[in-house]
All heavy atoms as atom14 arrays in JSON, in Angstrom:
{
  "sequence": "RFREVPLVAAGGVYSTTSDLAHYVAALLSGGSAAHG",
  "atom14_mask": [
    [1, 1, 1, 1, 1, 1, 1, 1, 1, 1, 1, 0, 0, 0],
    [1, 1, 1, 1, 1, 1, 1, 1, 1, 1, 1, 0, 0, 0],
    [1, 1, 1, 1, 1, 1, 1, 1, 1, 1, 1, 0, 0, 0],
    [1, 1, 1, 1, 1, 1, 1, 1, 1, 0, 0, 0, 0, 0],
    [1, 1, 1, 1, 1, 1, 1, 0, 0, 0, 0, 0, 0, 0],
    [1, 1, 1, 1, 1, 1, 1, 0, 0, 0, 0, 0, 0, 0],
    [1, 1, 1, 1, 1, 1, 1, 1, 0, 0, 0, 0, 0, 0],
    [1, 1, 1, 1, 1, 1, 1, 0, 0, 0, 0, 0, 0, 0],
    [1, 1, 1, 1, 1, 0, 0, 0, 0, 0, 0, 0, 0, 0],
    [1, 1, 1, 1, 1, 0, 0, 0, 0, 0, 0, 0, 0, 0],
    [1, 1, 1, 1, 0, 0, 0, 0, 0, 0, 0, 0, 0, 0],
    [1, 1, 1, 1, 0, 0, 0, 0, 0, 0, 0, 0, 0, 0],
    [1, 1, 1, 1, 1, 1, 1, 0, 0, 0, 0, 0, 0, 0],
    [1, 1, 1, 1, 1, 1, 1, 1, 1, 1, 1, 1, 0, 0],
    [1, 1, 1, 1, 1, 1, 0, 0, 0, 0, 0, 0, 0, 0],
    [1, 1, 1, 1, 1, 1, 1, 0, 0, 0, 0, 0, 0, 0],
    [1, 1, 1, 1, 1, 1, 1, 0, 0, 0, 0, 0, 0, 0],
    [1, 1, 1, 1, 1, 1, 0, 0, 0, 0, 0, 0, 0, 0],
    [1, 1, 1, 1, 1, 1, 1, 1, 0, 0, 0, 0, 0, 0],
    [1, 1, 1, 1, 1, 1, 1, 1, 0, 0, 0, 0, 0, 0],
    [1, 1, 1, 1, 1, 0, 0, 0, 0, 0, 0, 0, 0, 0],
    [1, 1, 1, 1, 1, 1, 1, 1, 1, 1, 0, 0, 0, 0],
    [1, 1, 1, 1, 1, 1, 1, 1, 1, 1, 1, 1, 0, 0],
    [1, 1, 1, 1, 1, 1, 1, 0, 0, 0, 0, 0, 0, 0],
    [1, 1, 1, 1, 1, 0, 0, 0, 0, 0, 0, 0, 0, 0],
    [1, 1, 1, 1, 1, 0, 0, 0, 0, 0, 0, 0, 0, 0],
    [1, 1, 1, 1, 1, 1, 1, 1, 0, 0, 0, 0, 0, 0],
    [1, 1, 1, 1, 1, 1, 1, 1, 0, 0, 0, 0, 0, 0],
    [1, 1, 1, 1, 1, 1, 0, 0, 0, 0, 0, 0, 0, 0],
    [1, 1, 1, 1, 0, 0, 0, 0, 0, 0, 0, 0, 0, 0],
    [1, 1, 1, 1, 0, 0, 0, 0, 0, 0, 0, 0, 0, 0],
    [1, 1, 1, 1, 1, 1, 0, 0, 0, 0, 0, 0, 0, 0],
    [1, 1, 1, 1, 1, 0, 0, 0, 0, 0, 0, 0, 0, 0],
    [1, 1, 1, 1, 1, 0, 0, 0, 0, 0, 0, 0, 0, 0],
    [1, 1, 1, 1, 1, 1, 1, 1, 1, 1, 0, 0, 0, 0],
    [1, 1, 1, 1, 0, 0, 0, 0, 0, 0, 0, 0, 0, 0]
  ],
  "atom14_positions": [
    [[-5.79, 9.28, 58.44], [-5.98, 10.25, 57.33], [-7.01, 9.62, 56.32], [-6.89, 8.42, 56.01], [-4.73, 10.55, 56.61], [-4.84, 11.51, 55.43], [-3.68, 11.5, 54.5], [-2.54, 11.96, 55.18], [-1.35, 12.23, 54.6], [-1.2, 11.87, 53.32], [-0.31, 12.64, 55.26], [0.0, 0.0, 0.0], [0.0, 0.0, 0.0], [0.0, 0.0, 0.0]],
    [[-8.03, 10.47, 55.92], [-9.0, 9.86, 54.93], [-8.48, 9.79, 53.57], [-7.85, 10.71, 53.05], [-10.26, 10.77, 54.87], [-11.3, 10.27, 54.07], [-12.3, 9.49, 54.59], [-11.42, 10.58, 52.69], [-13.28, 8.93, 53.77], [-12.35, 10.01, 51.9], [-13.37, 9.18, 52.44], [0.0, 0.0, 0.0], [0.0, 0.0, 0.0], [0.0, 0.0, 0.0]],
    [[-8.58, 8.59, 52.96], [-7.98, 8.32, 51.69], [-9.11, 7.76, 50.77], [-9.72, 6.85, 51.21], [-6.83, 7.42, 51.74], [-5.64, 7.89, 52.41], [-4.53, 6.83, 52.49], [-3.38, 7.29, 53.28], [-2.27, 7.95, 52.75], [-2.32, 8.33, 51.54], [-1.33, 8.32, 53.52], [0.0, 0.0, 0.0], [0.0, 0.0, 0.0], [0.0, 0.0, 0.0]],
    [[-9.23, 8.26, 49.63], [-10.19, 7.67, 48.67], [-9.55, 6.42, 48.18], [-8.32, 6.18, 47.96], [-10.39, 8.62, 47.45], [-11.17, 9.99, 47.85], [-12.63, 9.71, 48.21], [-13.03, 8.59, 48.02], [-13.28, 10.7, 48.66], [0.0, 0.0, 0.0], [0.0, 0.0, 0.0], [0.0, 0.0, 0.0], [0.0, 0.0, 0.0], [0.0, 0.0, 0.0]],
    [[-10.47, 5.44, 47.81], [-10.03, 4.2, 47.21], [-10.24, 4.3, 45.72], [-11.35, 4.37, 45.27], [-10.89, 3.05, 47.82], [-10.45, 1.66, 47.09], [-10.66, 2.89, 49.32], [0.0, 0.0, 0.0], [0.0, 0.0, 0.0], [0.0, 0.0, 0.0], [0.0, 0.0, 0.0], [0.0, 0.0, 0.0], [0.0, 0.0, 0.0], [0.0, 0.0, 0.0]],
    [[-9.18, 4.44, 44.9], [-9.37, 4.63, 43.46], [-9.89, 3.43, 42.81], [-10.65, 3.5, 41.79], [-7.89, 4.96, 43.03], [-7.04, 4.38, 43.94], [-7.76, 4.4, 45.29], [0.0, 0.0, 0.0], [0.0, 0.0, 0.0], [0.0, 0.0, 0.0], [0.0, 0.0, 0.0], [0.0, 0.0, 0.0], [0.0, 0.0, 0.0], [0.0, 0.0, 0.0]],
    [[-9.53, 2.18, 43.22], [-10.06, 0.97, 42.64], [-11.51, 0.64, 43.37], [-11.47, -0.4, 44.09], [-9.09, -0.16, 42.8], [-7.6, 0.25, 42.28], [-6.72, -0.9, 42.43], [-7.68, 0.69, 40.81], [0.0, 0.0, 0.0], [0.0, 0.0, 0.0], [0.0, 0.0, 0.0], [0.0, 0.0, 0.0], [0.0, 0.0, 0.0], [0.0, 0.0, 0.0]],
    [[-12.44, 1.39, 43.1], [-13.68, 1.29, 43.88], [-14.3, -0.03, 43.89], [-14.89, -0.51, 44.93], [-14.68, 2.4, 43.39], [-14.15, 3.83, 43.84], [-14.95, 2.3, 42.07], [0.0, 0.0, 0.0], [0.0, 0.0, 0.0], [0.0, 0.0, 0.0], [0.0, 0.0, 0.0], [0.0, 0.0, 0.0], [0.0, 0.0, 0.0], [0.0, 0.0, 0.0]],
    [[-14.37, -0.72, 42.78], [-15.0, -2.0, 42.65], [-14.32, -3.02, 43.55], [-14.91, -4.09, 43.84], [-15.08, -2.54, 41.23], [0.0, 0.0, 0.0], [0.0, 0.0, 0.0], [0.0, 0.0, 0.0], [0.0, 0.0, 0.0], [0.0, 0.0, 0.0], [0.0, 0.0, 0.0], [0.0, 0.0, 0.0], [0.0, 0.0, 0.0], [0.0, 0.0, 0.0]],
    [[-13.12, -2.79, 43.96], [-12.39, -3.75, 44.81], [-12.42, -3.39, 46.26], [-12.13, -4.19, 47.11], [-10.86, -3.75, 44.3], [0.0, 0.0, 0.0], [0.0, 0.0, 0.0], [0.0, 0.0, 0.0], [0.0, 0.0, 0.0], [0.0, 0.0, 0.0], [0.0, 0.0, 0.0], [0.0, 0.0, 0.0], [0.0, 0.0, 0.0], [0.0, 0.0, 0.0]],
    [[-12.8, -2.08, 46.63], [-12.77, -1.77, 48.11], [-13.41, -0.56, 48.47], [-13.02, -0.02, 49.53], [0.0, 0.0, 0.0], [0.0, 0.0, 0.0], [0.0, 0.0, 0.0], [0.0, 0.0, 0.0], [0.0, 0.0, 0.0], [0.0, 0.0, 0.0], [0.0, 0.0, 0.0], [0.0, 0.0, 0.0], [0.0, 0.0, 0.0], [0.0, 0.0, 0.0]],
    [[-14.44, -0.07, 47.67], [-14.87, 1.3, 47.85], [-16.2, 1.41, 48.61], [-16.64, 2.64, 48.88], [0.0, 0.0, 0.0], [0.0, 0.0, 0.0], [0.0, 0.0, 0.0], [0.0, 0.0, 0.0], [0.0, 0.0, 0.0], [0.0, 0.0, 0.0], [0.0, 0.0, 0.0], [0.0, 0.0, 0.0], [0.0, 0.0, 0.0], [0.0, 0.0, 0.0]],
    [[-16.87, 0.29, 49.01], [-18.18, 0.46, 49.61], [-18.18, 0.97, 50.97], [-17.37, 0.6, 51.74], [-18.89, -0.95, 49.43], [-20.21, -0.96, 50.3], [-19.33, -1.19, 48.02], [0.0, 0.0, 0.0], [0.0, 0.0, 0.0], [0.0, 0.0, 0.0], [0.0, 0.0, 0.0], [0.0, 0.0, 0.0], [0.0, 0.0, 0.0], [0.0, 0.0, 0.0]],
    [[-19.32, 1.8, 51.29], [-19.63, 2.27, 52.67], [-20.99, 1.4, 53.04], [-21.81, 1.47, 52.13], [-19.88, 3.71, 52.73], [-18.72, 4.58, 52.29], [-18.48, 4.76, 50.97], [-18.02, 5.27, 53.22], [-17.35, 5.64, 50.55], [-16.99, 6.1, 52.82], [-16.65, 6.31, 51.54], [-15.69, 7.1, 51.11], [0.0, 0.0, 0.0], [0.0, 0.0, 0.0]],
    [[-21.0, 0.98, 54.26], [-22.22, 0.24, 54.64], [-22.35, 0.2, 56.09], [-21.56, 0.69, 56.95], [-22.14, -1.18, 54.07], [-23.43, -1.86, 54.2], [0.0, 0.0, 0.0], [0.0, 0.0, 0.0], [0.0, 0.0, 0.0], [0.0, 0.0, 0.0], [0.0, 0.0, 0.0], [0.0, 0.0, 0.0], [0.0, 0.0, 0.0], [0.0, 0.0, 0.0]],
    [[-23.44, -0.37, 56.6], [-23.78, -0.49, 57.96], [-24.03, -1.94, 58.34], [-24.24, -2.76, 57.5], [-25.12, 0.28, 58.31], [-26.2, -0.42, 57.75], [-25.02, 1.75, 57.81], [0.0, 0.0, 0.0], [0.0, 0.0, 0.0], [0.0, 0.0, 0.0], [0.0, 0.0, 0.0], [0.0, 0.0, 0.0], [0.0, 0.0, 0.0], [0.0, 0.0, 0.0]],
    [[-24.07, -2.24, 59.67], [-24.4, -3.59, 60.09], [-25.68, -4.0, 59.73], [-25.93, -5.16, 59.22], [-24.25, -3.78, 61.59], [-23.02, -3.08, 62.04], [-24.17, -5.09, 62.06], [0.0, 0.0, 0.0], [0.0, 0.0, 0.0], [0.0, 0.0, 0.0], [0.0, 0.0, 0.0], [0.0, 0.0, 0.0], [0.0, 0.0, 0.0], [0.0, 0.0, 0.0]],
    [[-26.66, -3.14, 59.81], [-28.06, -3.46, 59.45], [-28.18, -3.84, 57.92], [-28.83, -4.79, 57.57], [-29.05, -2.27, 59.7], [-29.0, -1.97, 61.18], [0.0, 0.0, 0.0], [0.0, 0.0, 0.0], [0.0, 0.0, 0.0], [0.0, 0.0, 0.0], [0.0, 0.0, 0.0], [0.0, 0.0, 0.0], [0.0, 0.0, 0.0], [0.0, 0.0, 0.0]],
    [[-27.54, -3.06, 57.01], [-27.51, -3.25, 55.62], [-26.86, -4.55, 55.27], [-27.28, -5.43, 54.5], [-26.97, -2.15, 54.82], [-27.94, -0.92, 54.68], [-29.03, -1.03, 55.19], [-27.62, 0.0, 54.07], [0.0, 0.0, 0.0], [0.0, 0.0, 0.0], [0.0, 0.0, 0.0], [0.0, 0.0, 0.0], [0.0, 0.0, 0.0], [0.0, 0.0, 0.0]],
    [[-25.65, -4.74, 55.86], [-24.94, -5.99, 55.59], [-25.6, -7.21, 56.08], [-25.46, -8.28, 55.51], [-23.49, -5.9, 56.19], [-22.56, -4.92, 55.45], [-21.27, -4.83, 56.21], [-22.31, -5.4, 53.99], [0.0, 0.0, 0.0], [0.0, 0.0, 0.0], [0.0, 0.0, 0.0], [0.0, 0.0, 0.0], [0.0, 0.0, 0.0], [0.0, 0.0, 0.0]],
    [[-26.44, -7.03, 57.12], [-27.27, -8.26, 57.57], [-28.22, -8.64, 56.43], [-28.45, -9.78, 56.21], [-28.02, -7.83, 58.83], [0.0, 0.0, 0.0], [0.0, 0.0, 0.0], [0.0, 0.0, 0.0], [0.0, 0.0, 0.0], [0.0, 0.0, 0.0], [0.0, 0.0, 0.0], [0.0, 0.0, 0.0], [0.0, 0.0, 0.0], [0.0, 0.0, 0.0]],
    [[-28.78, -7.62, 55.8], [-29.66, -7.92, 54.6], [-28.91, -8.69, 53.53], [-29.4, -9.67, 52.91], [-30.26, -6.68, 53.99], [-31.19, -5.93, 54.84], [-32.24, -6.52, 55.58], [-31.36, -4.59, 55.2], [-32.94, -5.61, 56.25], [-32.41, -4.44, 56.02], [0.0, 0.0, 0.0], [0.0, 0.0, 0.0], [0.0, 0.0, 0.0], [0.0, 0.0, 0.0]],
    [[-27.72, -8.21, 53.25], [-26.9, -8.83, 52.26], [-26.47, -10.26, 52.67], [-26.66, -11.22, 51.79], [-25.59, -8.05, 52.06], [-24.61, -8.45, 51.09], [-24.91, -8.6, 49.71], [-23.3, -8.87, 51.44], [-24.05, -9.15, 48.79], [-22.33, -9.24, 50.57], [-22.74, -9.45, 49.14], [-21.78, -9.89, 48.26], [0.0, 0.0, 0.0], [0.0, 0.0, 0.0]],
    [[-25.99, -10.45, 53.86], [-25.69, -11.8, 54.37], [-26.88, -12.74, 54.31], [-26.75, -13.91, 53.99], [-24.87, -11.71, 55.71], [-24.85, -13.1, 56.34], [-23.7, -11.04, 55.67], [0.0, 0.0, 0.0], [0.0, 0.0, 0.0], [0.0, 0.0, 0.0], [0.0, 0.0, 0.0], [0.0, 0.0, 0.0], [0.0, 0.0, 0.0], [0.0, 0.0, 0.0]],
    [[-28.03, -12.34, 54.76], [-29.22, -12.95, 54.81], [-29.55, -13.49, 53.36], [-29.99, -14.66, 53.11], [-30.46, -12.2, 55.3], [0.0, 0.0, 0.0], [0.0, 0.0, 0.0], [0.0, 0.0, 0.0], [0.0, 0.0, 0.0], [0.0, 0.0, 0.0], [0.0, 0.0, 0.0], [0.0, 0.0, 0.0], [0.0, 0.0, 0.0], [0.0, 0.0, 0.0]],
    [[-29.35, -12.71, 52.28], [-29.64, -13.13, 51.02], [-28.57, -14.16, 50.58], [-28.95, -15.14, 49.85], [-29.53, -11.96, 50.06], [0.0, 0.0, 0.0], [0.0, 0.0, 0.0], [0.0, 0.0, 0.0], [0.0, 0.0, 0.0], [0.0, 0.0, 0.0], [0.0, 0.0, 0.0], [0.0, 0.0, 0.0], [0.0, 0.0, 0.0], [0.0, 0.0, 0.0]],
    [[-27.34, -13.98, 50.97], [-26.31, -14.99, 50.59], [-26.67, -16.32, 51.28], [-26.39, -17.42, 50.7], [-25.01, -14.55, 51.06], [-24.35, -13.25, 50.41], [-23.07, -12.94, 51.01], [-24.29, -13.33, 48.88], [0.0, 0.0, 0.0], [0.0, 0.0, 0.0], [0.0, 0.0, 0.0], [0.0, 0.0, 0.0], [0.0, 0.0, 0.0], [0.0, 0.0, 0.0]],
    [[-27.26, -16.34, 52.44], [-27.6, -17.57, 53.13], [-28.93, -18.18, 52.7], [-29.16, -19.3, 52.94], [-27.68, -17.32, 54.65], [-26.46, -16.99, 55.41], [-26.67, -16.58, 56.86], [-25.48, -18.26, 55.37], [0.0, 0.0, 0.0], [0.0, 0.0, 0.0], [0.0, 0.0, 0.0], [0.0, 0.0, 0.0], [0.0, 0.0, 0.0], [0.0, 0.0, 0.0]],
    [[-29.71, -17.4, 51.94], [-31.01, -17.84, 51.52], [-31.08, -18.06, 50.01], [-32.13, -17.85, 49.46], [-32.02, -16.84, 51.93], [-32.02, -16.56, 53.42], [0.0, 0.0, 0.0], [0.0, 0.0, 0.0], [0.0, 0.0, 0.0], [0.0, 0.0, 0.0], [0.0, 0.0, 0.0], [0.0, 0.0, 0.0], [0.0, 0.0, 0.0], [0.0, 0.0, 0.0]],
    [[-29.99, -18.47, 49.36], [-30.06, -18.7, 48.0], [-30.25, -17.48, 47.06], [-30.73, -17.65, 45.94], [0.0, 0.0, 0.0], [0.0, 0.0, 0.0], [0.0, 0.0, 0.0], [0.0, 0.0, 0.0], [0.0, 0.0, 0.0], [0.0, 0.0, 0.0], [0.0, 0.0, 0.0], [0.0, 0.0, 0.0], [0.0, 0.0, 0.0], [0.0, 0.0, 0.0]],
    [[-29.75, -16.27, 47.51], [-29.78, -15.13, 46.76], [-31.02, -14.24, 46.87], [-31.12, -13.27, 46.26], [0.0, 0.0, 0.0], [0.0, 0.0, 0.0], [0.0, 0.0, 0.0], [0.0, 0.0, 0.0], [0.0, 0.0, 0.0], [0.0, 0.0, 0.0], [0.0, 0.0, 0.0], [0.0, 0.0, 0.0], [0.0, 0.0, 0.0], [0.0, 0.0, 0.0]],
    [[-31.89, -14.55, 47.81], [-33.05, -13.77, 47.99], [-33.17, -13.36, 49.54], [-32.7, -13.99, 50.38], [-34.39, -14.5, 47.52], [-34.63, -15.64, 48.49], [0.0, 0.0, 0.0], [0.0, 0.0, 0.0], [0.0, 0.0, 0.0], [0.0, 0.0, 0.0], [0.0, 0.0, 0.0], [0.0, 0.0, 0.0], [0.0, 0.0, 0.0], [0.0, 0.0, 0.0]],
    [[-33.86, -12.23, 49.67], [-34.15, -11.71, 51.03], [-35.61, -11.14, 51.0], [-36.26, -11.14, 49.95], [-33.13, -10.7, 51.38], [0.0, 0.0, 0.0], [0.0, 0.0, 0.0], [0.0, 0.0, 0.0], [0.0, 0.0, 0.0], [0.0, 0.0, 0.0], [0.0, 0.0, 0.0], [0.0, 0.0, 0.0], [0.0, 0.0, 0.0], [0.0, 0.0, 0.0]],
    [[-35.91, -10.48, 52.1], [-37.36, -9.97, 52.25], [-37.57, -8.98, 51.17], [-38.72, -8.74, 50.77], [-37.53, -9.41, 53.65], [0.0, 0.0, 0.0], [0.0, 0.0, 0.0], [0.0, 0.0, 0.0], [0.0, 0.0, 0.0], [0.0, 0.0, 0.0], [0.0, 0.0, 0.0], [0.0, 0.0, 0.0], [0.0, 0.0, 0.0], [0.0, 0.0, 0.0]],
    [[-36.58, -8.2, 50.73], [-36.85, -7.08, 49.75], [-36.61, -7.49, 48.34], [-36.9, -6.68, 47.47], [-35.92, -5.96, 50.13], [-36.17, -5.3, 51.49], [-35.68, -5.92, 52.71], [-36.89, -4.2, 51.79], [-36.12, -5.09, 53.65], [-36.78, -4.1, 53.21], [0.0, 0.0, 0.0], [0.0, 0.0, 0.0], [0.0, 0.0, 0.0], [0.0, 0.0, 0.0]],
    [[-36.15, -8.69, 48.11], [-36.01, -9.14, 46.67], [-34.83, -10.07, 46.45], [-34.23, -10.58, 47.44], [0.0, 0.0, 0.0], [0.0, 0.0, 0.0], [0.0, 0.0, 0.0], [0.0, 0.0, 0.0], [0.0, 0.0, 0.0], [0.0, 0.0, 0.0], [0.0, 0.0, 0.0], [0.0, 0.0, 0.0], [0.0, 0.0, 0.0], [0.0, 0.0, 0.0]]
  ]
}
C-alpha cells in the first residue's frame, strides 16, 4: 500500500541509481562532482 512519509526530511526522497551515483561520487570526491 502506498503511504506518504510525513517526516519528509527523514525519509521522503525519490531517486534513481544514476542520480544516486552522482551523489555518491560527490561524497567520494570531497563534495564535488562533474556538475558542481
